[in-house]
Amino acid sequence: MDPQQIAKQMIAFDKTAFENNFIALKALQERTERLIDKFFEKSTVFPEEGKRSISEWRKAYKKGCDDFKNIMDDNFRKAEDFFNESK
């Protein structure tokens, strides 16, 4: 089998594995976020300032995840383009 074809298949496999893991981790994060939201709704002990801090942390985390996903997608695209152009 052609080494270039093997490399393309490896990239496709890695991309699929990354996508599936990223989707699973994102779903877990969203469910955890909903659980924390319910906890904060019923909690009278937790101060408002703490709730705001956690809200800001969650926004930063989501932005970081989105940025990471975009970088990975771009890198997979570059790898695919490299092997498609070097025929």
N, C-alpha and C. Protein backbone atom coordinates (compact mmCIF):
# COMPACT_ATOMS: atom_id res chain seq x y z
N MET A 1 0.85 -1.18 0.00
CA MET A 1 0.00 0.00 0.00
C MET A 1 0.89 1.25 0.00
N ASP A 2 0.43 2.25 -0.66
CA ASP A 2 1.14 3.51 -0.79
C ASP A 2 1.28 4.20 0.57
N PRO A 3 2.50 4.61 0.95
CA PRO A 3 2.69 5.29 2.24
C PRO A 3 1.86 6.57 2.36
N GLN A 4 1.66 7.25 1.25
CA GLN A 4 0.86 8.48 1.28
C GLN A 4 -0.60 8.15 1.61
N GLN A 5 -1.10 7.07 1.08
CA GLN A 5 -2.47 6.64 1.36
C GLN A 5 -2.61 6.23 2.83
N ILE A 6 -1.59 5.57 3.35
CA ILE A 6 -1.60 5.19 4.77
C ILE A 6 -1.64 6.44 5.64
N ALA A 7 -0.84 7.43 5.31
CA ALA A 7 -0.83 8.68 6.08
C ALA A 7 -2.19 9.36 6.03
N LYS A 8 -2.84 9.38 4.88
CA LYS A 8 -4.18 9.98 4.76
C LYS A 8 -5.18 9.26 5.64
N GLN A 9 -5.10 7.93 5.65
CA GLN A 9 -6.01 7.15 6.48
C GLN A 9 -5.76 7.38 7.96
N MET A 10 -4.49 7.53 8.33
CA MET A 10 -4.16 7.80 9.73
C MET A 10 -4.70 9.17 10.16
N ILE A 11 -4.56 10.14 9.29
CA ILE A 11 -5.08 11.48 9.60
C ILE A 11 -6.60 11.44 9.72
N ALA A 12 -7.26 10.74 8.82
CA ALA A 12 -8.72 10.63 8.88
C ALA A 12 -9.16 9.94 10.17
N PHE A 13 -8.44 8.89 10.56
CA PHE A 13 -8.77 8.19 11.80
C PHE A 13 -8.57 9.10 13.01
N ASP A 14 -7.43 9.79 13.05
CA ASP A 14 -7.15 10.70 14.16
C ASP A 14 -8.18 11.82 14.25
N LYS A 15 -8.57 12.34 13.10
CA LYS A 15 -9.57 13.41 13.08
C LYS A 15 -10.91 12.91 13.62
N THR A 16 -11.32 11.72 13.20
CA THR A 16 -12.57 11.15 13.68
C THR A 16 -12.52 10.88 15.18
N ALA A 17 -11.40 10.33 15.64
CA ALA A 17 -11.24 10.05 17.07
C ALA A 17 -11.29 11.35 17.87
N PHE A 18 -10.62 12.39 17.38
CA PHE A 18 -10.64 13.68 18.07
C PHE A 18 -12.06 14.24 18.12
N GLU A 19 -12.75 14.21 16.99
CA GLU A 19 -14.12 14.74 16.93
C GLU A 19 -15.02 14.03 17.93
N ASN A 20 -14.95 12.70 17.95
CA ASN A 20 -15.81 11.93 18.85
C ASN A 20 -15.50 12.22 20.31
N ASN A 21 -14.22 12.28 20.65
CA ASN A 21 -13.85 12.58 22.03
C ASN A 21 -14.23 14.00 22.42
N PHE A 22 -14.05 14.93 21.51
CA PHE A 22 -14.39 16.32 21.81
C PHE A 22 -15.90 16.47 22.05
N ILE A 23 -16.69 15.81 21.22
CA ILE A 23 -18.15 15.86 21.38
C ILE A 23 -18.57 15.25 22.73
N ALA A 24 -17.96 14.13 23.09
CA ALA A 24 -18.29 13.48 24.36
C ALA A 24 -17.90 14.35 25.55
N LEU A 25 -16.72 14.94 25.50
CA LEU A 25 -16.30 15.80 26.60
C LEU A 25 -17.14 17.06 26.69
N LYS A 26 -17.54 17.58 25.56
CA LYS A 26 -18.39 18.77 25.57
C LYS A 26 -19.77 18.45 26.17
N ALA A 27 -20.31 17.29 25.83
CA ALA A 27 -21.60 16.88 26.40
C ALA A 27 -21.49 16.70 27.91
N LEU A 28 -20.40 16.10 28.36
CA LEU A 28 -20.17 15.94 29.80
C LEU A 28 -20.08 17.30 30.49
N GLN A 29 -19.37 18.22 29.86
CA GLN A 29 -19.22 19.56 30.44
C GLN A 29 -20.56 20.27 30.52
N GLU A 30 -21.38 20.15 29.49
CA GLU A 30 -22.68 20.82 29.48
C GLU A 30 -23.61 20.24 30.54
N ARG A 31 -23.57 18.92 30.72
CA ARG A 31 -24.40 18.30 31.76
C ARG A 31 -23.94 18.72 33.15
N THR A 32 -22.64 18.78 33.34
CA THR A 32 -22.10 19.22 34.62
C THR A 32 -22.49 20.68 34.88
N GLU A 33 -22.46 21.48 33.85
CA GLU A 33 -22.83 22.89 33.98
C GLU A 33 -24.29 23.03 34.41
N ARG A 34 -25.17 22.23 33.81
CA ARG A 34 -26.58 22.27 34.21
C ARG A 34 -26.77 21.85 35.66
N LEU A 35 -26.01 20.86 36.10
CA LEU A 35 -26.08 20.40 37.49
C LEU A 35 -25.63 21.50 38.43
N ILE A 36 -24.55 22.16 38.09
CA ILE A 36 -24.05 23.26 38.92
C ILE A 36 -25.05 24.41 38.95
N ASP A 37 -25.67 24.71 37.81
CA ASP A 37 -26.69 25.76 37.77
C ASP A 37 -27.84 25.45 38.73
N LYS A 38 -28.30 24.21 38.73
CA LYS A 38 -29.38 23.81 39.63
C LYS A 38 -28.95 23.93 41.09
N PHE A 39 -27.71 23.57 41.37
CA PHE A 39 -27.19 23.69 42.72
C PHE A 39 -27.17 25.14 43.16
N PHE A 40 -26.71 26.04 42.29
CA PHE A 40 -26.64 27.45 42.64
C PHE A 40 -28.02 28.07 42.81
N GLU A 41 -29.01 27.62 42.04
CA GLU A 41 -30.36 28.14 42.16
C GLU A 41 -30.92 27.89 43.55
N LYS A 42 -30.60 26.74 44.12
CA LYS A 42 -31.17 26.36 45.41
C LYS A 42 -30.28 26.72 46.58
N SER A 43 -29.04 27.10 46.31
CA SER A 43 -28.10 27.40 47.37
C SER A 43 -28.24 28.84 47.83
N THR A 44 -28.46 28.99 49.12
CA THR A 44 -28.52 30.34 49.69
C THR A 44 -27.20 30.70 50.37
N VAL A 45 -26.33 29.72 50.52
CA VAL A 45 -25.07 29.91 51.22
C VAL A 45 -24.01 30.52 50.31
N PHE A 46 -24.05 30.16 49.04
CA PHE A 46 -23.02 30.60 48.11
C PHE A 46 -23.22 32.07 47.77
N PRO A 47 -22.19 32.91 47.96
CA PRO A 47 -22.35 34.36 47.71
C PRO A 47 -22.49 34.68 46.22
N GLU A 48 -23.13 35.79 45.95
CA GLU A 48 -23.35 36.23 44.56
C GLU A 48 -22.03 36.47 43.83
N GLU A 49 -21.05 36.98 44.55
CA GLU A 49 -19.74 37.23 43.95
C GLU A 49 -19.10 35.92 43.48
N GLY A 50 -19.27 34.86 44.26
CA GLY A 50 -18.75 33.55 43.87
C GLY A 50 -19.45 33.02 42.64
N LYS A 51 -20.75 33.24 42.55
CA LYS A 51 -21.52 32.80 41.38
C LYS A 51 -21.04 33.53 40.13
N ARG A 52 -20.77 34.82 40.26
CA ARG A 52 -20.26 35.59 39.12
C ARG A 52 -18.88 35.11 38.70
N SER A 53 -18.05 34.80 39.68
CA SER A 53 -16.70 34.31 39.36
C SER A 53 -16.76 32.99 38.60
N ILE A 54 -17.62 32.11 39.03
CA ILE A 54 -17.76 30.82 38.35
C ILE A 54 -18.35 31.01 36.97
N SER A 55 -19.28 31.95 36.83
CA SER A 55 -19.85 32.23 35.51
C SER A 55 -18.78 32.74 34.55
N GLU A 56 -17.90 33.61 35.02
CA GLU A 56 -16.81 34.12 34.19
C GLU A 56 -15.83 32.99 33.84
N TRP A 57 -15.56 32.12 34.80
CA TRP A 57 -14.68 30.99 34.55
C TRP A 57 -15.26 30.09 33.46
N ARG A 58 -16.58 29.84 33.54
CA ARG A 58 -17.24 29.00 32.54
C ARG A 58 -17.17 29.62 31.15
N LYS A 59 -17.33 30.94 31.07
CA LYS A 59 -17.22 31.61 29.77
C LYS A 59 -15.81 31.47 29.21
N ALA A 60 -14.80 31.64 30.07
CA ALA A 60 -13.41 31.51 29.62
C ALA A 60 -13.13 30.07 29.19
N TYR A 61 -13.67 29.11 29.91
CA TYR A 61 -13.48 27.70 29.57
C TYR A 61 -14.10 27.39 28.20
N LYS A 62 -15.31 27.86 27.97
CA LYS A 62 -15.98 27.63 26.69
C LYS A 62 -15.19 28.27 25.54
N LYS A 63 -14.71 29.48 25.76
CA LYS A 63 -13.92 30.15 24.73
C LYS A 63 -12.64 29.37 24.45
N GLY A 64 -11.99 28.89 25.50
CA GLY A 64 -10.79 28.09 25.34
C GLY A 64 -11.06 26.80 24.56
N CYS A 65 -12.17 26.15 24.87
CA CYS A 65 -12.54 24.93 24.14
C CYS A 65 -12.81 25.22 22.67
N ASP A 66 -13.53 26.29 22.41
CA ASP A 66 -13.82 26.67 21.02
C ASP A 66 -12.54 27.02 20.26
N ASP A 67 -11.65 27.74 20.91
CA ASP A 67 -10.38 28.10 20.28
C ASP A 67 -9.55 26.84 19.99
N PHE A 68 -9.51 25.92 20.95
CA PHE A 68 -8.77 24.67 20.77
C PHE A 68 -9.34 23.87 19.61
N LYS A 69 -10.66 23.78 19.55
CA LYS A 69 -11.33 23.04 18.47
C LYS A 69 -10.99 23.66 17.11
N ASN A 70 -11.04 24.97 17.03
CA ASN A 70 -10.72 25.65 15.77
C ASN A 70 -9.27 25.41 15.35
N ILE A 71 -8.36 25.44 16.31
CA ILE A 71 -6.95 25.19 16.01
C ILE A 71 -6.75 23.76 15.51
N MET A 72 -7.39 22.81 16.18
CA MET A 72 -7.26 21.40 15.76
C MET A 72 -7.86 21.19 14.37
N ASP A 73 -9.02 21.78 14.12
CA ASP A 73 -9.63 21.65 12.79
C ASP A 73 -8.71 22.23 11.72
N ASP A 74 -8.11 23.37 12.01
CA ASP A 74 -7.19 24.01 11.07
C ASP A 74 -5.97 23.12 10.82
N ASN A 75 -5.43 22.53 11.88
CA ASN A 75 -4.26 21.67 11.72
C ASN A 75 -4.59 20.39 10.95
N PHE A 76 -5.75 19.81 11.20
CA PHE A 76 -6.15 18.63 10.41
C PHE A 76 -6.32 19.01 8.94
N ARG A 77 -6.90 20.16 8.69
CA ARG A 77 -7.09 20.62 7.31
C ARG A 77 -5.73 20.82 6.62
N LYS A 78 -4.77 21.39 7.34
CA LYS A 78 -3.43 21.59 6.77
C LYS A 78 -2.76 20.26 6.46
N ALA A 79 -2.91 19.29 7.36
CA ALA A 79 -2.31 17.97 7.12
C ALA A 79 -2.96 17.29 5.92
N GLU A 80 -4.28 17.39 5.83
CA GLU A 80 -4.99 16.80 4.69
C GLU A 80 -4.57 17.48 3.39
N ASP A 81 -4.47 18.79 3.41
CA ASP A 81 -4.05 19.53 2.21
C ASP A 81 -2.64 19.15 1.79
N PHE A 82 -1.75 18.95 2.75
CA PHE A 82 -0.38 18.58 2.44
C PHE A 82 -0.34 17.28 1.67
N PHE A 83 -1.08 16.28 2.13
CA PHE A 83 -1.04 14.99 1.47
C PHE A 83 -1.86 14.97 0.17
N ASN A 84 -2.84 15.83 0.06
CA ASN A 84 -3.61 15.91 -1.19
C ASN A 84 -2.81 16.62 -2.29
N GLU A 85 -1.99 17.59 -1.91
CA GLU A 85 -1.22 18.35 -2.89
C GLU A 85 0.03 17.62 -3.35
N SER A 86 0.54 16.73 -2.55
CA SER A 86 1.82 16.09 -2.88
C SER A 86 1.63 14.76 -3.60
N LYS A 87 0.69 14.71 -4.51
CA LYS A 87 0.42 13.47 -5.27
C LYS A 87 1.49 13.21 -6.28
